[in-house]
Structures are given as structure tokens and as C-alpha cells.
Amino acid sequence: MTLVNRAVGIIPARWSSTRFPGKPLYVIAGKPLLRRVWERSSKAKNLESVIIATDDMRIAEAAFDWGAEIALTSPKHRSGTDRIAEVARHAKQFAFVVNIQGDEPLIDPRLVDELVRKLRSDRSIDIVTAAHPFENPGEAFSPHQVKVVVDESGRALYFSRAAIPFPRNPSGIKYFRHQGIYGFRRGALLQFV
């Protein structure tokens, strides 16, 4: 793998979630949520490395114990994207950075691979993400689900926890659920933040 094609997956993880403090280490079927995300992400064939980016020593120590690579970050970041950018700023050996949300324990490694493949195959793409239609349309109205609004070409316009556009006739709108993943060219990520 040439240097210009190397990809890293970075999982931002913080303890102080406003909706669910300590969520990364919440145990699901015997394993912490974050470990499940890391294990699934580590199965992606197109990533040379998977790094957990955190500002919390509880998360760092737990992840280190199960064998994860850790990057300690500033506690001042306002978003996971800011957190992964701090790591990417120092990880100059990677051309592509995949932001894998720390609360997606069922992330499909093939989806991670597809985002990297898309970035490698088309130099005009700087940022790529994934979304799918809601299986249950009623979930589109839940503030716990992130929705993505796309244009006619399938390009993401914006993301929201609200059902946007607000429907006068909900049966005519197709809502997309964001899948908790973004792929960036390293330079685009650093410019974005």
C-alpha cells in the first residue's frame, strides 16, 4: 500500500455525553459499546489502523486493556470531527481518515471499506458519508435518529435530529438515516475543522 492510499479509522469517544454520560463503556452483551465498535471497525480490510480518540482516561485505559491504539485528545473539542482532526493532524502517513461513530456497535466493516474505496477511486470527492432510508418511517421523527437531507444527486446538504423538511404530507417524503460514518481526504478534514 502506497503512502498516498493509506487509510485510518478513528473512533471519537468521550465520557461526557449530554444524553448518556459514560456511554462508550456501557456494557452490551458482555462487552463495552466502544469495544464492539472497535472490533467491527478493525475487520475493515481497507484500513491500516483503527485509533480510539478520547480525552478521558477511563476510556483510554479500558481500550488499551483490550488492545486498541489510543490517542489522547483535548477535552475542549465541540464535536467528534474536531477530535479526529486533532489526531489526523499528527497522522501524516494517512491520506484518508474515516470517522467512525463510537455508538455504532453494528457498523459494517464492508461499509467502512466502501467509503475508503470511494475516496480512492474518485479524486474529486473530498468527503463521503452513508445513509439509508428508514425501515420504519415513524423513526424519522425521533430526535434520537440523525437524519440527512440530500439533493437530487445524492449529495448531503445537512444533518438534523429533526424531521427536515417538516412534512405537510409525510407520505411524500423519503427520510434518510445517517449511518454514523464519514470518510475524508486528510487535507479536506483539516480544512473543514
Protein backbone atom coordinates (compact mmCIF):
# COMPACT_ATOMS: atom_id res chain seq x y z
CA MET A 1 0.00 0.00 0.00
CA THR A 2 1.50 3.30 -1.03
CA LEU A 3 1.57 6.17 1.39
CA VAL A 4 -0.90 8.17 -0.70
CA ASN A 5 -3.52 5.41 -0.40
CA ARG A 6 -3.28 4.61 3.31
CA ALA A 7 -6.43 4.95 5.40
CA VAL A 8 -7.05 5.15 9.13
CA GLY A 9 -10.28 4.71 11.04
CA ILE A 10 -10.62 7.00 14.04
CA ILE A 11 -13.34 6.49 16.63
CA PRO A 12 -14.02 9.61 18.72
CA ALA A 13 -15.13 8.69 22.24
CA ARG A 14 -16.00 10.97 25.11
CA TRP A 15 -17.34 10.26 28.56
CA SER A 16 -19.38 13.44 28.98
CA SER A 17 -22.25 12.83 26.58
CA THR A 18 -25.16 15.11 27.45
CA ARG A 19 -27.74 12.39 26.78
CA PHE A 20 -25.83 9.36 28.16
CA PRO A 21 -22.68 10.01 30.25
CA GLY A 22 -20.28 7.07 30.14
CA LYS A 23 -21.91 5.60 27.03
CA PRO A 24 -18.65 4.33 25.43
CA LEU A 25 -18.09 1.90 28.31
CA TYR A 26 -21.72 0.83 28.71
CA VAL A 27 -21.70 -2.97 28.61
CA ILE A 28 -23.78 -4.65 25.91
CA ALA A 29 -23.88 -8.46 26.00
CA GLY A 30 -20.66 -8.65 27.99
CA LYS A 31 -18.57 -6.04 26.16
CA PRO A 32 -18.36 -2.25 26.30
CA LEU A 33 -20.16 -0.48 23.44
CA LEU A 34 -16.92 1.14 22.26
CA ARG A 35 -15.12 -2.21 22.15
CA ARG A 36 -17.85 -3.59 19.88
CA VAL A 37 -17.40 -0.61 17.53
CA TRP A 38 -13.61 -1.01 17.56
CA GLU A 39 -13.77 -4.77 16.92
CA ARG A 40 -16.15 -4.36 13.97
CA SER A 41 -14.12 -1.48 12.54
CA SER A 42 -10.91 -3.49 12.87
CA LYS A 43 -12.36 -6.04 10.42
CA ALA A 44 -12.36 -3.46 7.60
CA LYS A 45 -9.81 -4.55 5.01
CA ASN A 46 -9.10 -1.04 3.68
CA LEU A 47 -7.93 0.43 7.00
CA GLU A 48 -4.28 0.20 8.01
CA SER A 49 -5.09 1.27 11.56
CA VAL A 50 -8.04 1.93 13.89
CA ILE A 51 -7.47 4.51 16.63
CA ILE A 52 -9.72 5.47 19.53
CA ALA A 53 -9.52 9.23 20.14
CA THR A 54 -10.55 10.25 23.65
CA ASP A 55 -9.97 12.86 26.31
CA ASP A 56 -10.96 10.52 29.15
CA MET A 57 -8.53 8.22 30.97
CA ARG A 58 -11.30 5.73 31.88
CA ILE A 59 -11.97 5.19 28.20
CA ALA A 60 -8.27 5.19 27.31
CA GLU A 61 -7.36 2.61 29.96
CA ALA A 62 -10.25 0.30 29.09
CA ALA A 63 -9.46 0.47 25.36
CA PHE A 64 -5.75 -0.06 25.98
CA ASP A 65 -6.61 -3.17 28.03
CA TRP A 66 -8.42 -4.77 25.08
CA GLY A 67 -5.57 -3.89 22.71
CA ALA A 68 -6.77 -0.75 20.97
CA GLU A 69 -4.48 2.02 19.78
CA ILE A 70 -5.31 5.20 21.72
CA ALA A 71 -4.82 8.89 21.03
CA LEU A 72 -5.41 11.27 23.93
CA THR A 73 -7.05 14.50 22.78
CA SER A 74 -8.03 17.85 24.17
CA PRO A 75 -11.19 17.98 26.31
CA LYS A 76 -12.18 21.23 24.58
CA HIS A 77 -13.46 19.72 21.32
CA ARG A 78 -17.05 20.52 20.44
CA SER A 79 -17.54 17.57 18.09
CA GLY A 80 -16.17 14.16 17.23
CA THR A 81 -14.95 15.60 13.94
CA ASP A 82 -12.81 18.13 15.83
CA ARG A 83 -11.45 15.27 17.96
CA ILE A 84 -10.45 13.11 14.98
CA ALA A 85 -8.93 16.11 13.22
CA GLU A 86 -6.57 16.58 16.17
CA VAL A 87 -5.36 13.01 15.66
CA ALA A 88 -5.24 13.34 11.86
CA ARG A 89 -3.13 16.49 12.15
CA HIS A 90 -0.32 14.31 13.55
CA ALA A 91 -1.04 11.19 11.46
CA LYS A 92 0.55 12.45 8.27
CA GLN A 93 1.15 8.92 6.99
CA PHE A 94 -2.57 8.57 6.15
CA ALA A 95 -4.22 10.06 3.07
CA PHE A 96 -7.73 9.11 4.17
CA VAL A 97 -9.46 9.38 7.54
CA VAL A 98 -12.69 7.57 8.37
CA ASN A 99 -14.66 8.99 11.30
CA ILE A 100 -16.49 6.03 12.84
CA GLN A 101 -19.03 6.99 15.47
CA GLY A 102 -18.38 5.36 18.84
CA ASP A 103 -22.03 4.44 19.34
CA GLU A 104 -22.48 2.29 16.22
CA PRO A 105 -21.79 -1.25 17.53
CA LEU A 106 -23.19 -2.86 14.38
CA ILE A 107 -21.08 -0.83 11.95
CA ASP A 108 -20.50 -2.99 8.89
CA PRO A 109 -16.79 -3.32 8.02
CA ARG A 110 -17.83 -3.53 4.36
CA LEU A 111 -19.34 -0.05 4.67
CA VAL A 112 -16.05 1.27 6.04
CA ASP A 113 -14.25 -0.37 3.11
CA GLU A 114 -16.72 1.12 0.63
CA LEU A 115 -16.11 4.67 1.89
CA VAL A 116 -12.35 4.23 1.55
CA ARG A 117 -12.80 2.68 -1.90
CA LYS A 118 -14.94 5.64 -2.98
CA LEU A 119 -12.31 8.16 -1.84
CA ARG A 120 -9.51 6.22 -3.54
CA SER A 121 -11.40 5.89 -6.82
CA ASP A 122 -12.51 9.50 -7.32
CA ARG A 123 -10.09 12.34 -6.58
CA SER A 124 -12.91 14.89 -6.89
CA ILE A 125 -14.54 13.54 -3.71
CA ASP A 126 -13.17 15.09 -0.51
CA ILE A 127 -15.83 13.90 1.95
CA VAL A 128 -18.14 10.90 1.77
CA THR A 129 -20.81 9.59 4.14
CA ALA A 130 -23.54 6.97 4.18
CA ALA A 131 -27.28 6.98 4.78
CA HIS A 132 -30.20 4.70 4.09
CA PRO A 133 -33.99 5.07 4.08
CA PHE A 134 -35.67 4.43 7.41
CA GLU A 135 -37.14 0.93 7.55
CA ASN A 136 -39.83 2.30 9.86
CA PRO A 137 -40.81 5.79 8.60
CA GLY A 138 -42.03 6.73 12.09
CA GLU A 139 -38.41 6.63 13.35
CA ALA A 140 -37.67 9.67 11.18
CA PHE A 141 -39.49 11.78 13.76
CA SER A 142 -37.34 10.59 16.68
CA PRO A 143 -34.80 13.13 17.94
CA HIS A 144 -32.52 10.16 18.71
CA GLN A 145 -32.07 9.42 15.00
CA VAL A 146 -29.87 11.66 12.85
CA LYS A 147 -31.42 12.42 9.50
CA VAL A 148 -29.60 13.56 6.39
CA VAL A 149 -31.15 15.71 3.69
CA VAL A 150 -29.77 15.01 0.21
CA ASP A 151 -30.07 16.83 -3.08
CA GLU A 152 -31.17 15.24 -6.37
CA SER A 153 -27.61 13.95 -6.94
CA GLY A 154 -27.48 12.23 -3.55
CA ARG A 155 -25.17 14.85 -2.03
CA ALA A 156 -25.72 15.55 1.66
CA LEU A 157 -26.99 19.07 2.25
CA TYR A 158 -27.35 18.99 6.03
CA PHE A 159 -27.90 16.75 9.02
CA SER A 160 -30.52 17.12 11.72
CA ARG A 161 -32.15 15.34 14.61
CA ALA A 162 -35.41 16.98 13.50
CA ALA A 163 -37.51 15.73 10.59
CA ILE A 164 -36.47 18.21 7.92
CA PRO A 165 -38.17 19.25 5.79
CA PHE A 166 -41.20 19.34 8.05
CA PRO A 167 -43.86 17.37 6.23
CA ARG A 168 -47.27 18.72 5.36
CA ASN A 169 -47.86 15.30 3.84
CA PRO A 170 -45.43 12.83 5.45
CA SER A 171 -46.18 10.08 2.95
CA GLY A 172 -44.48 12.03 0.16
CA ILE A 173 -41.10 12.48 1.86
CA LYS A 174 -38.32 9.93 1.93
CA TYR A 175 -36.17 10.39 5.04
CA PHE A 176 -32.64 9.02 5.25
CA ARG A 177 -30.98 7.82 8.45
CA HIS A 178 -27.35 8.82 8.76
CA GLN A 179 -25.19 5.76 9.39
CA GLY A 180 -22.68 7.38 11.74
CA ILE A 181 -19.68 7.41 9.46
CA TYR A 182 -17.73 9.93 7.37
CA GLY A 183 -14.72 9.46 5.12
CA PHE A 184 -12.36 12.37 4.47
CA ARG A 185 -9.29 13.13 2.47
CA ARG A 186 -6.94 14.18 5.27
CA GLY A 187 -6.46 17.69 3.84
CA ALA A 188 -10.22 18.21 3.46
CA LEU A 189 -10.78 17.18 7.08
CA LEU A 190 -8.19 19.64 8.36
CA GLN A 191 -9.65 22.39 6.18
CA PHE A 192 -13.21 21.54 7.31
CA VAL A 193 -12.42 21.93 11.01
